[in-house]
Amino acid sequence: MFKVTLEHENLHISLCSLQAVSQLLCVVMPKYAKHFIGLLESMVKVPLKALEVDDESILEDSLVEFNAMADAEPKFFKNNFGDLFEVFKQIITKSDILNKTIRHQPIEFLT
């Protein structure tokens, strides 16, 4: 269910699904978090798609969720940190983002 909604053509639905996964990861016991790792690729597509269509609101909201997940379950991203760095580097280096706090969100995630 999450994979389908994370990859939905409607970006708002994808964001809601990302928020739901984030909430689950924030409350689930760490040993169960590994069951969500298969969703990571679909999860990363949400901010990338928002960046592609210049939807700064959804981009910022999705990055906030990544930071919340990293705070709650930092080991979840450990094995994919290099890939996530490359993805978030695209956001950090994009110079035409009007909201400067958006570019700060990936930096917060990576630190």
PDB file of N, CA and C in Angstrom:
ATOM      1  N   MET A   1       0.827  -1.192   0.000  1.00  0.00           N
ATOM      2  CA  MET A   1       0.000   0.000   0.000  1.00  0.00           C
ATOM      3  C   MET A   1       0.871   1.256   0.000  1.00  0.00           C
ATOM      4  N   PHE A   2       1.896   1.302   0.871  1.00  0.00           N
ATOM      5  CA  PHE A   2       2.730   2.498   0.939  1.00  0.00           C
ATOM      6  C   PHE A   2       3.480   2.738  -0.367  1.00  0.00           C
ATOM      7  N   LYS A   3       3.993   1.686  -0.969  1.00  0.00           N
ATOM      8  CA  LYS A   3       4.750   1.848  -2.212  1.00  0.00           C
ATOM      9  C   LYS A   3       3.880   2.472  -3.301  1.00  0.00           C
ATOM     10  N   VAL A   4       2.654   2.012  -3.403  1.00  0.00           N
ATOM     11  CA  VAL A   4       1.737   2.536  -4.422  1.00  0.00           C
ATOM     12  C   VAL A   4       1.431   4.008  -4.169  1.00  0.00           C
ATOM     13  N   THR A   5       1.170   4.363  -2.928  1.00  0.00           N
ATOM     14  CA  THR A   5       0.820   5.754  -2.639  1.00  0.00           C
ATOM     15  C   THR A   5       2.042   6.669  -2.639  1.00  0.00           C
ATOM     16  N   LEU A   6       3.215   6.162  -2.270  1.00  0.00           N
ATOM     17  CA  LEU A   6       4.428   6.974  -2.357  1.00  0.00           C
ATOM     18  C   LEU A   6       4.749   7.337  -3.804  1.00  0.00           C
ATOM     19  N   GLU A   7       4.409   6.443  -4.717  1.00  0.00           N
ATOM     20  CA  GLU A   7       4.707   6.662  -6.126  1.00  0.00           C
ATOM     21  C   GLU A   7       3.492   7.157  -6.922  1.00  0.00           C
ATOM     22  N   HIS A   8       2.477   7.601  -6.221  1.00  0.00           N
ATOM     23  CA  HIS A   8       1.263   8.093  -6.885  1.00  0.00           C
ATOM     24  C   HIS A   8       1.592   9.330  -7.716  1.00  0.00           C
ATOM     25  N   GLU A   9       0.865   9.505  -8.807  1.00  0.00           N
ATOM     26  CA  GLU A   9       1.107  10.661  -9.680  1.00  0.00           C
ATOM     27  C   GLU A   9       0.754  11.978  -9.003  1.00  0.00           C
ATOM     28  N   ASN A  10      -0.182  11.942  -8.061  1.00  0.00           N
ATOM     29  CA  ASN A  10      -0.545  13.151  -7.323  1.00  0.00           C
ATOM     30  C   ASN A  10       0.473  13.348  -6.201  1.00  0.00           C
ATOM     31  N   LEU A  11       1.208  14.418  -6.266  1.00  0.00           N
ATOM     32  CA  LEU A  11       2.288  14.670  -5.314  1.00  0.00           C
ATOM     33  C   LEU A  11       1.780  14.847  -3.886  1.00  0.00           C
ATOM     34  N   HIS A  12       0.579  15.352  -3.730  1.00  0.00           N
ATOM     35  CA  HIS A  12       0.003  15.508  -2.385  1.00  0.00           C
ATOM     36  C   HIS A  12      -0.260  14.141  -1.740  1.00  0.00           C
ATOM     37  N   ILE A  13      -0.704  13.188  -2.533  1.00  0.00           N
ATOM     38  CA  ILE A  13      -0.923  11.831  -2.021  1.00  0.00           C
ATOM     39  C   ILE A  13       0.422  11.203  -1.639  1.00  0.00           C
ATOM     40  N   SER A  14       1.420  11.407  -2.470  1.00  0.00           N
ATOM     41  CA  SER A  14       2.755  10.882  -2.161  1.00  0.00           C
ATOM     42  C   SER A  14       3.279  11.470  -0.859  1.00  0.00           C
ATOM     43  N   LEU A  15       3.085  12.765  -0.666  1.00  0.00           N
ATOM     44  CA  LEU A  15       3.532  13.408   0.568  1.00  0.00           C
ATOM     45  C   LEU A  15       2.789  12.850   1.775  1.00  0.00           C
ATOM     46  N   CYS A  16       1.497  12.664   1.668  1.00  0.00           N
ATOM     47  CA  CYS A  16       0.719  12.102   2.782  1.00  0.00           C
ATOM     48  C   CYS A  16       1.212  10.700   3.134  1.00  0.00           C
ATOM     49  N   SER A  17       1.546   9.923   2.120  1.00  0.00           N
ATOM     50  CA  SER A  17       2.072   8.585   2.359  1.00  0.00           C
ATOM     51  C   SER A  17       3.436   8.661   3.048  1.00  0.00           C
ATOM     52  N   LEU A  18       4.287   9.581   2.610  1.00  0.00           N
ATOM     53  CA  LEU A  18       5.586   9.771   3.248  1.00  0.00           C
ATOM     54  C   LEU A  18       5.411  10.182   4.708  1.00  0.00           C
ATOM     55  N   GLN A  19       4.456  11.054   4.959  1.00  0.00           N
ATOM     56  CA  GLN A  19       4.180  11.476   6.333  1.00  0.00           C
ATOM     57  C   GLN A  19       3.704  10.302   7.184  1.00  0.00           C
ATOM     58  N   ALA A  20       2.907   9.424   6.608  1.00  0.00           N
ATOM     59  CA  ALA A  20       2.426   8.251   7.344  1.00  0.00           C
ATOM     60  C   ALA A  20       3.578   7.299   7.668  1.00  0.00           C
ATOM     61  N   VAL A  21       4.445   7.059   6.707  1.00  0.00           N
ATOM     62  CA  VAL A  21       5.606   6.202   6.945  1.00  0.00           C
ATOM     63  C   VAL A  21       6.497   6.832   8.017  1.00  0.00           C
ATOM     64  N   SER A  22       6.682   8.122   7.927  1.00  0.00           N
ATOM     65  CA  SER A  22       7.497   8.834   8.912  1.00  0.00           C
ATOM     66  C   SER A  22       6.923   8.683  10.316  1.00  0.00           C
ATOM     67  N   GLN A  23       5.629   8.838  10.436  1.00  0.00           N
ATOM     68  CA  GLN A  23       4.995   8.698  11.753  1.00  0.00           C
ATOM     69  C   GLN A  23       5.169   7.285  12.298  1.00  0.00           C
ATOM     70  N   LEU A  24       5.041   6.297  11.433  1.00  0.00           N
ATOM     71  CA  LEU A  24       5.242   4.912  11.869  1.00  0.00           C
ATOM     72  C   LEU A  24       6.680   4.678  12.321  1.00  0.00           C
ATOM     73  N   LEU A  25       7.631   5.181  11.547  1.00  0.00           N
ATOM     74  CA  LEU A  25       9.038   4.994  11.919  1.00  0.00           C
ATOM     75  C   LEU A  25       9.383   5.716  13.225  1.00  0.00           C
ATOM     76  N   CYS A  26       8.654   6.766  13.521  1.00  0.00           N
ATOM     77  CA  CYS A  26       8.915   7.520  14.753  1.00  0.00           C
ATOM     78  C   CYS A  26       8.391   6.802  15.993  1.00  0.00           C
ATOM     79  N   VAL A  27       7.469   5.858  15.822  1.00  0.00           N
ATOM     80  CA  VAL A  27       6.890   5.176  16.993  1.00  0.00           C
ATOM     81  C   VAL A  27       7.191   3.676  17.049  1.00  0.00           C
ATOM     82  N   VAL A  28       7.612   3.100  15.941  1.00  0.00           N
ATOM     83  CA  VAL A  28       7.852   1.662  15.910  1.00  0.00           C
ATOM     84  C   VAL A  28       9.169   1.341  16.626  1.00  0.00           C
ATOM     85  N   MET A  29       9.225   0.168  17.192  1.00  0.00           N
ATOM     86  CA  MET A  29      10.459  -0.282  17.832  1.00  0.00           C
ATOM     87  C   MET A  29      11.534  -0.430  16.754  1.00  0.00           C
ATOM     88  N   PRO A  30      12.790  -0.073  17.070  1.00  0.00           N
ATOM     89  CA  PRO A  30      13.861  -0.111  16.061  1.00  0.00           C
ATOM     90  C   PRO A  30      13.978  -1.427  15.304  1.00  0.00           C
ATOM     91  N   LYS A  31      13.719  -2.541  15.945  1.00  0.00           N
ATOM     92  CA  LYS A  31      13.865  -3.814  15.241  1.00  0.00           C
ATOM     93  C   LYS A  31      12.835  -3.994  14.123  1.00  0.00           C
ATOM     94  N   TYR A  32      11.738  -3.248  14.175  1.00  0.00           N
ATOM     95  CA  TYR A  32      10.722  -3.330  13.127  1.00  0.00           C
ATOM     96  C   TYR A  32      10.937  -2.320  12.006  1.00  0.00           C
ATOM     97  N   ALA A  33      11.800  -1.341  12.237  1.00  0.00           N
ATOM     98  CA  ALA A  33      12.054  -0.312  11.227  1.00  0.00           C
ATOM     99  C   ALA A  33      12.621  -0.913   9.947  1.00  0.00           C
ATOM    100  N   LYS A  34      13.375  -1.999  10.076  1.00  0.00           N
ATOM    101  CA  LYS A  34      13.999  -2.612   8.896  1.00  0.00           C
ATOM    102  C   LYS A  34      12.967  -3.097   7.882  1.00  0.00           C
ATOM    103  N   HIS A  35      11.739  -3.317   8.307  1.00  0.00           N
ATOM    104  CA  HIS A  35      10.686  -3.753   7.389  1.00  0.00           C
ATOM    105  C   HIS A  35      10.290  -2.655   6.407  1.00  0.00           C
ATOM    106  N   PHE A  36      10.673  -1.420   6.708  1.00  0.00           N
ATOM    107  CA  PHE A  36      10.325  -0.291   5.853  1.00  0.00           C
ATOM    108  C   PHE A  36      11.439   0.069   4.875  1.00  0.00           C
ATOM    109  N   ILE A  37      12.595  -0.559   4.975  1.00  0.00           N
ATOM    110  CA  ILE A  37      13.748  -0.190   4.155  1.00  0.00           C
ATOM    111  C   ILE A  37      13.463  -0.359   2.661  1.00  0.00           C
ATOM    112  N   GLY A  38      12.604  -1.283   2.311  1.00  0.00           N
ATOM    113  CA  GLY A  38      12.240  -1.478   0.912  1.00  0.00           C
ATOM    114  C   GLY A  38      11.480  -0.306   0.315  1.00  0.00           C
ATOM    115  N   LEU A  39      10.996   0.578   1.169  1.00  0.00           N
ATOM    116  CA  LEU A  39      10.262   1.755   0.708  1.00  0.00           C
ATOM    117  C   LEU A  39      11.167   2.962   0.466  1.00  0.00           C
ATOM    118  N   LEU A  40      12.422   2.859   0.858  1.00  0.00           N
ATOM    119  CA  LEU A  40      13.298   4.024   0.837  1.00  0.00           C
ATOM    120  C   LEU A  40      13.412   4.652  -0.549  1.00  0.00           C
ATOM    121  N   GLU A  41      13.564   3.847  -1.573  1.00  0.00           N
ATOM    122  CA  GLU A  41      13.671   4.397  -2.931  1.00  0.00           C
ATOM    123  C   GLU A  41      12.411   5.189  -3.297  1.00  0.00           C
ATOM    124  N   SER A  42      11.252   4.653  -2.968  1.00  0.00           N
ATOM    125  CA  SER A  42       9.997   5.355  -3.249  1.00  0.00           C
ATOM    126  C   SER A  42       9.861   6.609  -2.389  1.00  0.00           C
ATOM    127  N   MET A  43      10.358   6.545  -1.169  1.00  0.00           N
ATOM    128  CA  MET A  43      10.299   7.701  -0.271  1.00  0.00           C
ATOM    129  C   MET A  43      11.131   8.854  -0.819  1.00  0.00           C
ATOM    130  N   VAL A  44      12.301   8.549  -1.351  1.00  0.00           N
ATOM    131  CA  VAL A  44      13.197   9.581  -1.868  1.00  0.00           C
ATOM    132  C   VAL A  44      12.634  10.242  -3.126  1.00  0.00           C
ATOM    133  N   LYS A  45      11.796   9.520  -3.832  1.00  0.00           N
ATOM    134  CA  LYS A  45      11.194  10.084  -5.045  1.00  0.00           C
ATOM    135  C   LYS A  45      10.270  11.260  -4.741  1.00  0.00           C
ATOM    136  N   VAL A  46       9.728  11.322  -3.530  1.00  0.00           N
ATOM    137  CA  VAL A  46       8.791  12.405  -3.202  1.00  0.00           C
ATOM    138  C   VAL A  46       9.488  13.765  -3.246  1.00  0.00           C
ATOM    139  N   PRO A  47      10.584  13.978  -2.501  1.00  0.00           N
ATOM    140  CA  PRO A  47      11.233  15.287  -2.617  1.00  0.00           C
ATOM    141  C   PRO A  47      11.838  15.538  -4.002  1.00  0.00           C
ATOM    142  N   LEU A  48      12.312  14.480  -4.666  1.00  0.00           N
ATOM    143  CA  LEU A  48      12.873  14.669  -6.007  1.00  0.00           C
ATOM    144  C   LEU A  48      11.812  15.127  -6.997  1.00  0.00           C
ATOM    145  N   LYS A  49      10.628  14.533  -6.904  1.00  0.00           N
ATOM    146  CA  LYS A  49       9.536  14.926  -7.799  1.00  0.00           C
ATOM    147  C   LYS A  49       9.095  16.358  -7.486  1.00  0.00           C
ATOM    148  N   ALA A  50       9.054  16.705  -6.195  1.00  0.00           N
ATOM    149  CA  ALA A  50       8.692  18.070  -5.810  1.00  0.00           C
ATOM    150  C   ALA A  50       9.723  19.061  -6.334  1.00  0.00           C
ATOM    151  N   LEU A  51      10.984  18.696  -6.281  1.00  0.00           N
ATOM    152  CA  LEU A  51      12.057  19.554  -6.813  1.00  0.00           C
ATOM    153  C   LEU A  51      11.895  19.716  -8.314  1.00  0.00           C
ATOM    154  N   GLU A  52      11.584  18.634  -8.979  1.00  0.00           N
ATOM    155  CA  GLU A  52      11.432  18.638 -10.437  1.00  0.00           C
ATOM    156  C   GLU A  52      10.300  19.557 -10.892  1.00  0.00           C
ATOM    157  N   VAL A  53       9.190  19.567 -10.148  1.00  0.00           N
ATOM    158  CA  VAL A  53       8.033  20.391 -10.546  1.00  0.00           C
ATOM    159  C   VAL A  53       8.012  21.741  -9.819  1.00  0.00           C
ATOM    160  N   ASP A  54       9.083  22.040  -9.101  1.00  0.00           N
ATOM    161  CA  ASP A  54       9.226  23.309  -8.378  1.00  0.00           C
ATOM    162  C   ASP A  54       8.111  23.556  -7.366  1.00  0.00           C
ATOM    163  N   ASP A  55       7.711  22.511  -6.658  1.00  0.00           N
ATOM    164  CA  ASP A  55       6.719  22.663  -5.597  1.00  0.00           C
ATOM    165  C   ASP A  55       7.463  22.759  -4.264  1.00  0.00           C
ATOM    166  N   GLU A  56       7.805  23.987  -3.882  1.00  0.00           N
ATOM    167  CA  GLU A  56       8.617  24.199  -2.689  1.00  0.00           C
ATOM    168  C   GLU A  56       7.903  23.802  -1.406  1.00  0.00           C
ATOM    169  N   SER A  57       6.598  23.911  -1.383  1.00  0.00           N
ATOM    170  CA  SER A  57       5.841  23.544  -0.187  1.00  0.00           C
ATOM    171  C   SER A  57       5.964  22.040   0.092  1.00  0.00           C
ATOM    172  N   ILE A  58       5.733  21.231  -0.920  1.00  0.00           N
ATOM    173  CA  ILE A  58       5.840  19.778  -0.750  1.00  0.00           C
ATOM    174  C   ILE A  58       7.298  19.378  -0.551  1.00  0.00           C
ATOM    175  N   LEU A  59       8.198  20.054  -1.214  1.00  0.00           N
ATOM    176  CA  LEU A  59       9.618  19.770  -1.027  1.00  0.00           C
ATOM    177  C   LEU A  59      10.012  19.989   0.433  1.00  0.00           C
ATOM    178  N   GLU A  60       9.634  21.118   0.973  1.00  0.00           N
ATOM    179  CA  GLU A  60       9.973  21.406   2.370  1.00  0.00           C
ATOM    180  C   GLU A  60       9.317  20.413   3.321  1.00  0.00           C
ATOM    181  N   ASP A  61       8.043  20.116   3.116  1.00  0.00           N
ATOM    182  CA  ASP A  61       7.340  19.168   3.986  1.00  0.00           C
ATOM    183  C   ASP A  61       7.971  17.775   3.931  1.00  0.00           C
ATOM    184  N   SER A  62       8.377  17.340   2.744  1.00  0.00           N
ATOM    185  CA  SER A  62       8.985  16.011   2.632  1.00  0.00           C
ATOM    186  C   SER A  62      10.355  15.978   3.311  1.00  0.00           C
ATOM    187  N   LEU A  63      11.103  17.057   3.208  1.00  0.00           N
ATOM    188  CA  LEU A  63      12.408  17.107   3.869  1.00  0.00           C
ATOM    189  C   LEU A  63      12.270  17.138   5.390  1.00  0.00           C
ATOM    190  N   VAL A  64      11.242  17.799   5.870  1.00  0.00           N
ATOM    191  CA  VAL A  64      10.960  17.803   7.315  1.00  0.00           C
ATOM    192  C   VAL A  64      10.714  16.377   7.790  1.00  0.00           C
ATOM    193  N   GLU A  65      10.001  15.593   6.992  1.00  0.00           N
ATOM    194  CA  GLU A  65       9.732  14.199   7.354  1.00  0.00           C
ATOM    195  C   GLU A  65      11.017  13.370   7.388  1.00  0.00           C
ATOM    196  N   PHE A  66      11.904  13.596   6.425  1.00  0.00           N
ATOM    197  CA  PHE A  66      13.176  12.874   6.442  1.00  0.00           C
ATOM    198  C   PHE A  66      13.975  13.216   7.702  1.00  0.00           C
ATOM    199  N   ASN A  67      13.950  14.473   8.098  1.00  0.00           N
ATOM    200  CA  ASN A  67      14.657  14.863   9.324  1.00  0.00           C
ATOM    201  C   ASN A  67      14.024  14.233  10.556  1.00  0.00           C
ATOM    202  N   ALA A  68      12.704  14.158  10.580  1.00  0.00           N
ATOM    203  CA  ALA A  68      12.016  13.528  11.716  1.00  0.00           C
ATOM    204  C   ALA A  68      12.374  12.040  11.800  1.00  0.00           C
ATOM    205  N   MET A  69      12.406  11.377  10.637  1.00  0.00           N
ATOM    206  CA  MET A  69      12.763   9.955  10.629  1.00  0.00           C
ATOM    207  C   MET A  69      14.213   9.754  11.062  1.00  0.00           C
ATOM    208  N   ALA A  70      15.093  10.623  10.615  1.00  0.00           N
ATOM    209  CA  ALA A  70      16.506  10.503  10.989  1.00  0.00           C
ATOM    210  C   ALA A  70      16.696  10.730  12.483  1.00  0.00           C
ATOM    211  N   ASP A  71      15.918  11.638  13.057  1.00  0.00           N
ATOM    212  CA  ASP A  71      15.988  11.875  14.501  1.00  0.00           C
ATOM    213  C   ASP A  71      15.472  10.667  15.276  1.00  0.00           C
ATOM    214  N   ALA A  72      14.375  10.092  14.800  1.00  0.00           N
ATOM    215  CA  ALA A  72      13.740   8.983  15.516  1.00  0.00           C
ATOM    216  C   ALA A  72      14.470   7.661  15.317  1.00  0.00           C
ATOM    217  N   GLU A  73      14.963   7.424  14.112  1.00  0.00           N
ATOM    218  CA  GLU A  73      15.589   6.133  13.798  1.00  0.00           C
ATOM    219  C   GLU A  73      16.791   6.355  12.878  1.00  0.00           C
ATOM    220  N   PRO A  74      17.891   6.905  13.400  1.00  0.00           N
ATOM    221  CA  PRO A  74      19.039   7.244  12.551  1.00  0.00           C
ATOM    222  C   PRO A  74      19.671   6.052  11.838  1.00  0.00           C
ATOM    223  N   LYS A  75      19.604   4.876  12.403  1.00  0.00           N
ATOM    224  CA  LYS A  75      20.201   3.701  11.765  1.00  0.00           C
ATOM    225  C   LYS A  75      19.443   3.277  10.510  1.00  0.00           C
ATOM    226  N   PHE A  76      18.212   3.732  10.363  1.00  0.00           N
ATOM    227  CA  PHE A  76      17.394   3.365   9.208  1.00  0.00           C
ATOM    228  C   PHE A  76      18.080   3.765   7.892  1.00  0.00           C
ATOM    229  N   PHE A  77      18.771   4.887   7.894  1.00  0.00           N
ATOM    230  CA  PHE A  77      19.374   5.423   6.678  1.00  0.00           C
ATOM    231  C   PHE A  77      20.849   5.050   6.513  1.00  0.00           C
ATOM    232  N   LYS A  78      21.415   4.372   7.480  1.00  0.00           N
ATOM    233  CA  LYS A  78      22.856   4.128   7.529  1.00  0.00           C
ATOM    234  C   LYS A  78      23.414   3.490   6.255  1.00  0.00           C
ATOM    235  N   ASN A  79      22.812   2.425   5.791  1.00  0.00           N
ATOM    236  CA  ASN A  79      23.338   1.708   4.625  1.00  0.00           C
ATOM    237  C   ASN A  79      23.142   2.448   3.304  1.00  0.00           C
ATOM    238  N   ASN A  80      22.287   3.453   3.293  1.00  0.00           N
ATOM    239  CA  ASN A  80      21.995   4.190   2.064  1.00  0.00           C
ATOM    240  C   ASN A  80      22.431   5.648   2.147  1.00  0.00           C
ATOM    241  N   PHE A  81      23.291   5.959   3.111  1.00  0.00           N
ATOM    242  CA  PHE A  81      23.668   7.345   3.344  1.00  0.00           C
ATOM    243  C   PHE A  81      24.323   7.978   2.115  1.00  0.00           C
ATOM    244  N   GLY A  82      25.188   7.249   1.431  1.00  0.00           N
ATOM    245  CA  GLY A  82      25.858   7.788   0.239  1.00  0.00           C
ATOM    246  C   GLY A  82      24.878   8.163  -0.851  1.00  0.00           C
ATOM    247  N   ASP A  83      23.904   7.306  -1.084  1.00  0.00           N
ATOM    248  CA  ASP A  83      22.881   7.598  -2.097  1.00  0.00           C
ATOM    249  C   ASP A  83      22.037   8.803  -1.686  1.00  0.00           C
ATOM    250  N   LEU A  84      21.685   8.856  -0.416  1.00  0.00           N
ATOM    251  CA  LEU A  84      20.894   9.979   0.078  1.00  0.00           C
ATOM    252  C   LEU A  84      21.682  11.282  -0.012  1.00  0.00           C
ATOM    253  N   PHE A  85      22.979  11.209   0.241  1.00  0.00           N
ATOM    254  CA  PHE A  85      23.823  12.394   0.109  1.00  0.00           C
ATOM    255  C   PHE A  85      23.738  12.943  -1.313  1.00  0.00           C
ATOM    256  N   GLU A  86      23.827  12.070  -2.298  1.00  0.00           N
ATOM    257  CA  GLU A  86      23.766  12.509  -3.702  1.00  0.00           C
ATOM    258  C   GLU A  86      22.414  13.134  -4.035  1.00  0.00           C
ATOM    259  N   VAL A  87      21.353  12.550  -3.511  1.00  0.00           N
ATOM    260  CA  VAL A  87      20.012  13.084  -3.754  1.00  0.00           C
ATOM    261  C   VAL A  87      19.866  14.461  -3.114  1.00  0.00           C
ATOM    262  N   PHE A  88      20.236  14.560  -1.855  1.00  0.00           N
ATOM    263  CA  PHE A  88      20.057  15.820  -1.135  1.00  0.00           C
ATOM    264  C   PHE A  88      21.017  16.898  -1.611  1.00  0.00           C
ATOM    265  N   LYS A  89      22.145  16.498  -2.186  1.00  0.00           N
ATOM    266  CA  LYS A  89      23.091  17.470  -2.745  1.00  0.00           C
ATOM    267  C   LYS A  89      22.432  18.249  -3.884  1.00  0.00           C
ATOM    268  N   GLN A  90      21.556  17.586  -4.634  1.00  0.00           N
ATOM    269  CA  GLN A  90      20.836  18.260  -5.718  1.00  0.00           C
ATOM    270  C   GLN A  90      19.989  19.409  -5.181  1.00  0.00           C
ATOM    271  N   ILE A  91      19.397  19.199  -4.010  1.00  0.00           N
ATOM    272  CA  ILE A  91      18.543  20.227  -3.411  1.00  0.00           C
ATOM    273  C   ILE A  91      19.405  21.358  -2.854  1.00  0.00           C
ATOM    274  N   ILE A  92      20.490  20.993  -2.191  1.00  0.00           N
ATOM    275  CA  ILE A  92      21.369  21.991  -1.581  1.00  0.00           C
ATOM    276  C   ILE A  92      21.956  22.915  -2.642  1.00  0.00           C
ATOM    277  N   THR A  93      22.317  22.364  -3.791  1.00  0.00           N
ATOM    278  CA  THR A  93      22.993  23.155  -4.823  1.00  0.00           C
ATOM    279  C   THR A  93      22.039  23.868  -5.772  1.00  0.00           C
ATOM    280  N   LYS A  94      20.764  23.601  -5.676  1.00  0.00           N
ATOM    281  CA  LYS A  94      19.806  24.268  -6.567  1.00  0.00           C
ATOM    282  C   LYS A  94      19.675  25.722  -6.129  1.00  0.00           C
ATOM    283  N   SER A  95      20.114  26.624  -6.953  1.00  0.00           N
ATOM    284  CA  SER A  95      20.204  28.030  -6.558  1.00  0.00           C
ATOM    285  C   SER A  95      18.911  28.816  -6.710  1.00  0.00           C
ATOM    286  N   ASP A  96      17.947  28.296  -7.445  1.00  0.00           N
ATOM    287  CA  ASP A  96      16.729  29.076  -7.660  1.00  0.00           C
ATOM    288  C   ASP A  96      15.603  28.742  -6.676  1.00  0.00           C
ATOM    289  N   ILE A  97      15.929  28.047  -5.603  1.00  0.00           N
ATOM    290  CA  ILE A  97      14.928  27.796  -4.565  1.00  0.00           C
ATOM    291  C   ILE A  97      14.740  29.093  -3.786  1.00  0.00           C
ATOM    292  N   LEU A  98      13.522  29.579  -3.742  1.00  0.00           N
ATOM    293  CA  LEU A  98      13.251  30.862  -3.094  1.00  0.00           C
ATOM    294  C   LEU A  98      13.340  30.773  -1.579  1.00  0.00           C
ATOM    295  N   ASN A  99      12.818  29.707  -1.028  1.00  0.00           N
ATOM    296  CA  ASN A  99      12.799  29.532   0.423  1.00  0.00           C
ATOM    297  C   ASN A  99      14.138  28.935   0.858  1.00  0.00           C
ATOM    298  N   LYS A 100      14.976  29.756   1.453  1.00  0.00           N
ATOM    299  CA  LYS A 100      16.336  29.323   1.821  1.00  0.00           C
ATOM    300  C   LYS A 100      16.333  28.248   2.904  1.00  0.00           C
ATOM    301  N   THR A 101      15.278  28.148   3.702  1.00  0.00           N
ATOM    302  CA  THR A 101      15.231  27.105   4.737  1.00  0.00           C
ATOM    303  C   THR A 101      15.110  25.723   4.109  1.00  0.00           C
ATOM    304  N   ILE A 102      14.589  25.665   2.895  1.00  0.00           N
ATOM    305  CA  ILE A 102      14.488  24.378   2.199  1.00  0.00           C
ATOM    306  C   ILE A 102      15.884  23.816   1.948  1.00  0.00           C
ATOM    307  N   ARG A 103      16.802  24.670   1.536  1.00  0.00           N
ATOM    308  CA  ARG A 103      18.170  24.200   1.282  1.00  0.00           C
ATOM    309  C   ARG A 103      18.872  23.811   2.581  1.00  0.00           C
ATOM    310  N   HIS A 104      18.419  24.332   3.684  1.00  0.00           N
ATOM    311  CA  HIS A 104      19.005  23.981   4.979  1.00  0.00           C
ATOM    312  C   HIS A 104      18.532  22.604   5.459  1.00  0.00           C
ATOM    313  N   GLN A 105      17.324  22.194   5.088  1.00  0.00           N
ATOM    314  CA  GLN A 105      16.763  20.916   5.557  1.00  0.00           C
ATOM    315  C   GLN A 105      17.653  19.713   5.201  1.00  0.00           C
ATOM    316  N   PRO A 106      18.137  19.588   3.960  1.00  0.00           N
ATOM    317  CA  PRO A 106      19.010  18.448   3.660  1.00  0.00           C
ATOM    318  C   PRO A 106      20.337  18.501   4.421  1.00  0.00           C
ATOM    319  N   ILE A 107      20.839  19.699   4.660  1.00  0.00           N
ATOM    320  CA  ILE A 107      22.075  19.832   5.445  1.00  0.00           C
ATOM    321  C   ILE A 107      21.849  19.311   6.854  1.00  0.00           C
ATOM    322  N   GLU A 108      20.682  19.638   7.420  1.00  0.00           N
ATOM    323  CA  GLU A 108      20.338  19.147   8.755  1.00  0.00           C
ATOM    324  C   GLU A 108      20.261  17.619   8.758  1.00  0.00           C
ATOM    325  N   PHE A 109      19.694  17.068   7.705  1.00  0.00           N
ATOM    326  CA  PHE A 109      19.586  15.598   7.605  1.00  0.00           C
ATOM    327  C   PHE A 109      20.974  14.960   7.561  1.00  0.00           C
ATOM    328  N   LEU A 110      21.861  15.548   6.788  1.00  0.00           N
ATOM    329  CA  LEU A 110      23.173  14.953   6.568  1.00  0.00           C
ATOM    330  C   LEU A 110      24.130  15.118   7.761  1.00  0.00           C
ATOM    331  N   THR A 111      23.782  15.995   8.698  1.00  0.00           N
ATOM    332  CA  THR A 111      24.697  16.219   9.832  1.00  0.00           C
ATOM    333  C   THR A 111      24.278  15.509  11.066  1.00  0.00           C
TER     334      THR A 111
END
